[in-house]
Amino acid sequence: MSKIKNKAKGIVCTVLAASMLFTANPAVFASDTQTTQTTESKSDSNTDSGTAGSEANDKVVIDKNDKPYLCLGADLTPDQRSKVLGFMGIELTDFDKYDVVYVNNEEEHKYLDSYISSSEIGTRSLSSVLITKDDKGAGLSISTHNINYCTVGMYKNALATAGITDAKIIVAGPSPISGTAALVGTFKAYEEMTGKTLNEDVVDASLDELVTTGELNQSIDGDSQDVEAMIADLKQQLADGKLETEDQIKEAIKDAAKDYDLKLSDDDIAKLTSLLMKLKDADIDWDSVINQASDWASKLGDKIGDPGFWQKVGDFFAELWDKIKSIFN
């Protein structure tokens, strides 16, 4: 995995450098999914802290004919609700055509008090989510707007752990906020949409994963996508039955950190070990976890083995060389 990942990174870096030097075109092989910048604020109530950073999204579009479920933060003002609906592509005149539920701050505290201090969770639920079923095998597609703590990768990993798959999701806040209420809201809307009750122990494990990932994103000097991919990789090893004991998990974490070029402190390793031990003992639908891990793998280098990928690389540099030669002609 490390060789593939490093090879992929090398190719992308070379392409980006060449493109910046000799062309005005954007990076050809950049991922559609970007991560948002994290801030010190984790609370939905702290709407003015920090900036939203890059919008992280899979360019999700959900139409009312998709029969989606909408879960709104219960503390949105009318103006804030209008902004959130705008991000989701919902006209105010169509609002009554949607199935709507609400997530409140009490529910946030119920699910998150074990992992985040009450003061950080805050007193208002503002982040909201629109969710609809997707085709079987499609996996999770997520867009975020004004979410500055929970990245798309964090949402995908946590939702896959909770057993949510094959869905299109849009998460939005009225201004830059953490997005924790939206995760709780996604669970609520998914249960309403499918009529299925999610296992509370598994939901708890997924929330633990989300918070642990967020803490690692802040403490580790590295790309947040690498952190999220590493965790997905470790979860796949759990799913494959390769990690049975705490010692095996610790060694796997150390090996994965090397593979993903991440420097973990002893505290980081302890947090990950605790999380993976919890996941190992939870009644998780490992199929959804494996699908999510496979999605990460494809982003990090599965295309390297595709002859079509190499053809594109060759074509790119051939065109680039022609442009360079034209400068001196």
Protein backbone atom coordinates (compact mmCIF):
# COMPACT_ATOMS: atom_id res chain seq x y z
CA MET A 1 0.00 0.00 0.00
CA SER A 2 2.82 2.44 0.91
CA LYS A 3 4.65 1.87 -2.39
CA ILE A 4 1.46 2.46 -4.38
CA LYS A 5 0.62 5.55 -2.36
CA ASN A 6 4.09 7.05 -2.61
CA LYS A 7 4.19 6.32 -6.34
CA ALA A 8 0.81 8.00 -6.79
CA LYS A 9 1.93 11.01 -4.79
CA GLY A 10 5.11 11.30 -6.83
CA ILE A 11 3.19 11.28 -10.09
CA VAL A 12 0.67 13.82 -8.90
CA CYS A 13 3.36 16.14 -7.52
CA THR A 14 5.32 15.98 -10.79
CA VAL A 15 2.23 16.70 -12.84
CA LEU A 16 1.22 19.59 -10.61
CA ALA A 17 4.69 21.13 -10.68
CA ALA A 18 4.96 20.85 -14.45
CA SER A 19 1.46 22.17 -14.93
CA MET A 20 2.15 25.22 -12.74
CA LEU A 21 5.37 25.98 -14.60
CA PHE A 22 4.32 25.55 -18.19
CA THR A 23 0.53 25.73 -18.46
CA ALA A 24 -2.38 27.72 -17.21
CA ASN A 25 -4.54 24.61 -16.83
CA PRO A 26 -5.67 23.35 -13.38
CA ALA A 27 -4.15 20.17 -11.94
CA VAL A 28 -5.34 17.28 -14.10
CA PHE A 29 -5.25 14.52 -11.53
CA ALA A 30 -6.48 16.37 -8.45
CA SER A 31 -9.18 14.63 -6.43
CA ASP A 32 -12.73 15.93 -6.56
CA THR A 33 -12.93 15.52 -2.79
CA GLN A 34 -11.06 18.14 -0.79
CA THR A 35 -10.81 18.42 2.99
CA THR A 36 -11.84 21.47 4.96
CA GLN A 37 -9.46 23.22 7.32
CA THR A 38 -10.08 22.41 10.97
CA THR A 39 -10.39 25.09 13.63
CA GLU A 40 -10.25 25.08 17.40
CA SER A 41 -14.02 25.41 17.59
CA LYS A 42 -16.00 22.17 17.62
CA SER A 43 -19.32 23.69 18.58
CA ASP A 44 -22.27 24.28 16.29
CA SER A 45 -23.09 27.26 18.49
CA ASN A 46 -19.78 29.01 17.73
CA THR A 47 -20.76 30.24 14.29
CA ASP A 48 -18.31 33.11 14.00
CA SER A 49 -15.13 31.22 14.85
CA GLY A 50 -12.65 30.48 12.08
CA THR A 51 -13.34 30.08 8.40
CA ALA A 52 -14.91 27.33 6.43
CA GLY A 53 -11.80 26.66 4.36
CA SER A 54 -12.15 24.82 1.09
CA GLU A 55 -15.59 23.46 0.44
CA ALA A 56 -15.30 19.68 0.69
CA ASN A 57 -17.67 17.98 -1.65
CA ASP A 58 -18.47 15.17 -4.05
CA LYS A 59 -20.59 17.66 -6.02
CA VAL A 60 -23.79 16.07 -4.76
CA VAL A 61 -27.07 17.24 -6.25
CA ILE A 62 -30.34 16.04 -4.70
CA ASP A 63 -33.70 16.72 -6.33
CA LYS A 64 -37.04 16.69 -4.53
CA ASN A 65 -38.08 13.86 -6.84
CA ASP A 66 -35.36 11.73 -5.19
CA LYS A 67 -37.66 11.64 -2.14
CA PRO A 68 -34.98 12.87 0.27
CA TYR A 69 -35.26 13.39 4.01
CA LEU A 70 -34.26 16.73 5.49
CA CYS A 71 -32.97 17.07 9.05
CA LEU A 72 -32.61 20.69 10.19
CA GLY A 73 -30.81 22.05 13.22
CA ALA A 74 -33.57 22.99 15.62
CA ASP A 75 -31.99 26.35 16.51
CA LEU A 76 -31.81 27.84 13.02
CA THR A 77 -33.36 31.28 12.65
CA PRO A 78 -35.55 31.86 9.59
CA ASP A 79 -32.68 33.63 7.80
CA GLN A 80 -30.24 30.87 8.70
CA ARG A 81 -32.66 28.22 7.54
CA SER A 82 -33.01 30.03 4.22
CA LYS A 83 -29.21 29.99 3.76
CA VAL A 84 -28.98 26.29 4.60
CA LEU A 85 -31.78 25.39 2.20
CA GLY A 86 -30.09 27.45 -0.49
CA PHE A 87 -26.90 25.40 -0.13
CA MET A 88 -29.00 22.27 -0.52
CA GLY A 89 -30.73 23.56 -3.64
CA ILE A 90 -34.15 23.72 -1.95
CA GLU A 91 -36.54 26.51 -2.88
CA LEU A 92 -38.51 27.93 0.05
CA THR A 93 -41.69 27.44 -1.96
CA ASP A 94 -40.90 23.69 -2.13
CA PHE A 95 -40.08 23.28 1.56
CA ASP A 96 -43.43 21.69 2.42
CA LYS A 97 -42.78 18.94 -0.17
CA TYR A 98 -39.91 17.48 1.87
CA ASP A 99 -40.01 15.02 4.75
CA VAL A 100 -38.50 17.06 7.59
CA VAL A 101 -37.18 16.11 11.02
CA TYR A 102 -35.17 18.21 13.47
CA VAL A 103 -32.08 17.56 15.58
CA ASN A 104 -31.79 19.48 18.83
CA ASN A 105 -28.94 20.31 21.17
CA GLU A 106 -30.14 17.83 23.79
CA GLU A 107 -29.67 15.02 21.26
CA GLU A 108 -26.19 16.30 20.43
CA HIS A 109 -25.23 16.16 24.10
CA LYS A 110 -26.75 12.70 24.47
CA TYR A 111 -24.52 11.28 21.75
CA LEU A 112 -21.39 13.41 22.12
CA ASP A 113 -20.92 14.24 25.80
CA SER A 114 -18.78 11.11 26.21
CA TYR A 115 -16.27 12.45 23.68
CA ILE A 116 -16.48 16.24 23.64
CA SER A 117 -16.88 18.60 26.60
CA SER A 118 -20.32 20.16 26.99
CA SER A 119 -18.87 23.63 26.51
CA GLU A 120 -17.43 22.61 23.14
CA ILE A 121 -20.71 21.08 21.97
CA GLY A 122 -22.40 24.35 22.85
CA THR A 123 -26.07 25.24 23.19
CA ARG A 124 -27.38 25.45 19.63
CA SER A 125 -27.91 22.91 16.87
CA LEU A 126 -27.47 24.56 13.50
CA SER A 127 -25.83 22.17 11.00
CA SER A 128 -28.35 20.36 8.84
CA VAL A 129 -28.44 17.45 6.40
CA LEU A 130 -30.32 16.35 3.29
CA ILE A 131 -30.14 12.63 2.55
CA THR A 132 -31.55 10.31 -0.09
CA LYS A 133 -31.02 6.69 -1.06
CA ASP A 134 -28.66 5.94 -3.92
CA ASP A 135 -28.32 2.89 -6.18
CA LYS A 136 -27.12 -0.31 -4.56
CA GLY A 137 -23.33 -0.40 -4.56
CA ALA A 138 -23.02 3.35 -5.16
CA GLY A 139 -21.51 3.97 -1.73
CA LEU A 140 -21.62 7.35 0.00
CA SER A 141 -21.47 10.69 -1.82
CA ILE A 142 -21.25 13.75 0.42
CA SER A 143 -21.03 17.50 -0.06
CA THR A 144 -20.45 20.00 2.73
CA HIS A 145 -21.02 23.75 2.95
CA ASN A 146 -19.78 25.92 5.83
CA ILE A 147 -18.54 22.89 7.81
CA ASN A 148 -15.11 23.53 9.31
CA TYR A 149 -14.47 20.58 11.65
CA CYS A 150 -16.05 17.47 10.13
CA THR A 151 -14.46 16.70 6.76
CA VAL A 152 -16.14 14.66 4.04
CA GLY A 153 -13.77 11.80 4.84
CA MET A 154 -14.69 11.93 8.53
CA TYR A 155 -18.39 11.78 7.71
CA LYS A 156 -17.92 8.90 5.26
CA ASN A 157 -15.84 6.79 7.62
CA ALA A 158 -18.16 7.36 10.58
CA LEU A 159 -21.34 6.73 8.59
CA ALA A 160 -19.89 3.55 7.07
CA THR A 161 -19.09 2.34 10.58
CA ALA A 162 -22.68 3.05 11.61
CA GLY A 163 -23.93 0.94 8.70
CA ILE A 164 -25.10 3.76 6.44
CA THR A 165 -24.22 3.20 2.79
CA ASP A 166 -25.51 3.85 -0.73
CA ALA A 167 -26.73 7.35 0.00
CA LYS A 168 -26.30 10.90 -1.28
CA ILE A 169 -25.88 13.50 1.44
CA ILE A 170 -25.55 17.28 1.62
CA VAL A 171 -24.42 18.82 4.93
CA ALA A 172 -24.70 22.57 5.45
CA GLY A 173 -24.41 25.28 8.06
CA PRO A 174 -25.57 28.90 7.83
CA SER A 175 -21.99 30.05 8.54
CA PRO A 176 -18.73 28.23 9.41
CA ILE A 177 -19.54 25.68 12.14
CA SER A 178 -18.40 22.25 13.29
CA GLY A 179 -21.07 20.04 11.74
CA THR A 180 -21.50 17.71 14.72
CA ALA A 181 -25.26 18.20 14.85
CA ALA A 182 -25.49 17.14 11.21
CA LEU A 183 -23.93 13.75 11.96
CA VAL A 184 -26.53 13.09 14.64
CA GLY A 185 -29.13 14.44 12.23
CA THR A 186 -27.97 12.03 9.53
CA PHE A 187 -28.60 9.08 11.83
CA LYS A 188 -32.06 10.44 12.62
CA ALA A 189 -32.99 11.14 8.99
CA TYR A 190 -31.63 7.77 7.82
CA GLU A 191 -33.78 5.92 10.34
CA GLU A 192 -36.84 7.89 9.25
CA MET A 193 -36.08 7.30 5.58
CA THR A 194 -35.40 3.56 5.81
CA GLY A 195 -37.53 2.56 8.80
CA LYS A 196 -34.43 0.84 10.22
CA THR A 197 -33.16 1.45 13.74
CA LEU A 198 -29.40 1.81 13.93
CA ASN A 199 -27.57 -0.16 16.61
CA GLU A 200 -26.82 2.29 19.44
CA ASP A 201 -23.47 0.68 20.28
CA VAL A 202 -22.40 0.97 16.65
CA VAL A 203 -23.59 4.59 16.47
CA ASP A 204 -21.58 5.28 19.63
CA ALA A 205 -18.49 3.70 18.03
CA SER A 206 -18.96 5.79 14.89
CA LEU A 207 -19.14 8.99 16.94
CA ASP A 208 -16.01 7.97 18.81
CA GLU A 209 -14.36 7.47 15.42
CA LEU A 210 -15.44 10.89 14.19
CA VAL A 211 -14.08 12.70 17.25
CA THR A 212 -10.87 10.67 17.35
CA THR A 213 -10.26 11.38 13.66
CA GLY A 214 -10.87 15.09 14.23
CA GLU A 215 -8.40 15.14 17.12
CA LEU A 216 -5.79 13.33 15.04
CA ASN A 217 -6.32 15.74 12.15
CA GLN A 218 -5.48 18.57 14.53
CA SER A 219 -2.55 16.94 16.35
CA ILE A 220 -0.75 15.21 13.46
CA ASP A 221 1.44 17.10 11.03
CA GLY A 222 0.03 15.66 7.84
CA ASP A 223 -2.77 15.65 5.29
CA SER A 224 -6.20 15.01 6.83
CA GLN A 225 -7.04 12.70 3.92
CA ASP A 226 -4.04 10.57 4.86
CA VAL A 227 -5.30 10.33 8.44
CA GLU A 228 -8.77 9.33 7.26
CA ALA A 229 -7.39 6.84 4.73
CA MET A 230 -5.16 5.29 7.40
CA ILE A 231 -8.13 4.74 9.69
CA ALA A 232 -10.15 3.24 6.83
CA ASP A 233 -7.20 0.93 6.10
CA LEU A 234 -6.99 -0.19 9.74
CA LYS A 235 -10.73 -0.81 9.81
CA GLN A 236 -10.41 -3.00 6.74
CA GLN A 237 -7.75 -5.03 8.54
CA LEU A 238 -10.23 -5.49 11.39
CA ALA A 239 -12.90 -6.53 8.91
CA ASP A 240 -10.52 -9.07 7.36
CA GLY A 241 -9.89 -10.60 10.80
CA LYS A 242 -6.20 -9.72 10.76
CA LEU A 243 -6.26 -7.88 14.09
CA GLU A 244 -7.38 -9.95 17.04
CA THR A 245 -5.37 -8.66 20.00
CA GLU A 246 -4.47 -5.24 21.39
CA ASP A 247 -0.78 -5.85 20.61
CA GLN A 248 -1.61 -6.69 16.99
CA ILE A 249 -3.67 -3.51 16.73
CA LYS A 250 -0.83 -1.36 18.11
CA GLU A 251 1.66 -2.85 15.67
CA ALA A 252 -0.77 -2.37 12.79
CA ILE A 253 -1.19 1.29 13.77
CA LYS A 254 2.58 1.84 13.79
CA ASP A 255 2.95 0.14 10.42
CA ALA A 256 0.07 2.13 8.94
CA ALA A 257 1.58 5.39 10.21
CA LYS A 258 4.75 4.57 8.26
CA ASP A 259 2.74 3.65 5.17
CA TYR A 260 0.90 6.97 5.24
CA ASP A 261 3.92 9.09 6.26
CA LEU A 262 2.29 10.17 9.52
CA LYS A 263 4.07 10.76 12.81
CA LEU A 264 1.95 9.51 15.69
CA SER A 265 2.62 10.34 19.32
CA ASP A 266 2.14 7.76 22.08
CA ASP A 267 -1.13 9.52 22.92
CA ASP A 268 -2.26 9.27 19.28
CA ILE A 269 -1.49 5.54 19.24
CA ALA A 270 -3.38 5.06 22.50
CA LYS A 271 -6.45 6.85 21.12
CA LEU A 272 -6.42 4.79 17.94
CA THR A 273 -5.91 1.56 19.85
CA SER A 274 -8.87 2.33 22.10
CA LEU A 275 -11.03 3.15 19.08
CA LEU A 276 -10.09 0.02 17.13
CA MET A 277 -10.65 -2.21 20.17
CA LYS A 278 -14.14 -0.73 20.45
CA LEU A 279 -14.80 -1.25 16.74
CA LYS A 280 -13.54 -4.84 16.94
CA ASP A 281 -16.07 -5.68 19.64
CA ALA A 282 -19.01 -3.80 18.10
CA ASP A 283 -21.67 -5.46 15.95
CA ILE A 284 -20.59 -3.65 12.79
CA ASP A 285 -21.71 -4.33 9.23
CA TRP A 286 -18.19 -4.84 7.95
CA ASP A 287 -19.31 -4.93 4.32
CA SER A 288 -20.03 -1.19 4.40
CA VAL A 289 -16.67 -0.57 6.08
CA ILE A 290 -14.82 -2.58 3.43
CA ASN A 291 -16.59 -0.69 0.64
CA GLN A 292 -15.53 2.61 2.17
CA ALA A 293 -11.94 1.41 2.61
CA SER A 294 -11.90 0.32 -1.04
CA ASP A 295 -13.05 3.81 -2.04
CA TRP A 296 -10.10 5.30 -0.18
CA ALA A 297 -7.73 2.82 -1.81
CA SER A 298 -8.91 3.82 -5.27
CA LYS A 299 -8.21 7.46 -4.48
CA LEU A 300 -4.72 6.68 -3.24
CA GLY A 301 -3.47 4.65 -6.14
CA ASP A 302 -5.55 1.83 -7.57
CA LYS A 303 -5.51 3.77 -10.83
CA ILE A 304 -1.74 3.25 -10.96
CA GLY A 305 -2.36 -0.27 -12.21
CA ASP A 306 -4.73 0.91 -14.91
CA PRO A 307 -3.10 1.09 -18.37
CA GLY A 308 -5.53 3.87 -19.21
CA PHE A 309 -4.10 5.92 -16.35
CA TRP A 310 -0.56 5.56 -17.72
CA GLN A 311 -1.81 6.46 -21.19
CA LYS A 312 -3.26 9.68 -19.79
CA VAL A 313 0.04 10.45 -18.04
CA GLY A 314 1.92 9.85 -21.29
CA ASP A 315 -0.50 11.96 -23.31
CA PHE A 316 -0.27 14.77 -20.77
CA PHE A 317 3.50 14.94 -20.91
CA ALA A 318 3.51 14.61 -24.69
CA GLU A 319 1.23 17.65 -24.92
CA LEU A 320 3.31 19.45 -22.31
CA TRP A 321 6.53 18.79 -24.28
CA ASP A 322 4.92 20.10 -27.45
CA LYS A 323 4.04 23.32 -25.63
CA ILE A 324 7.57 23.66 -24.28
CA LYS A 325 9.05 23.16 -27.75
CA SER A 326 6.66 25.74 -29.20
CA ILE A 327 8.07 28.36 -26.84
CA PHE A 328 11.46 28.08 -28.50
CA ASN A 329 10.19 27.82 -32.08
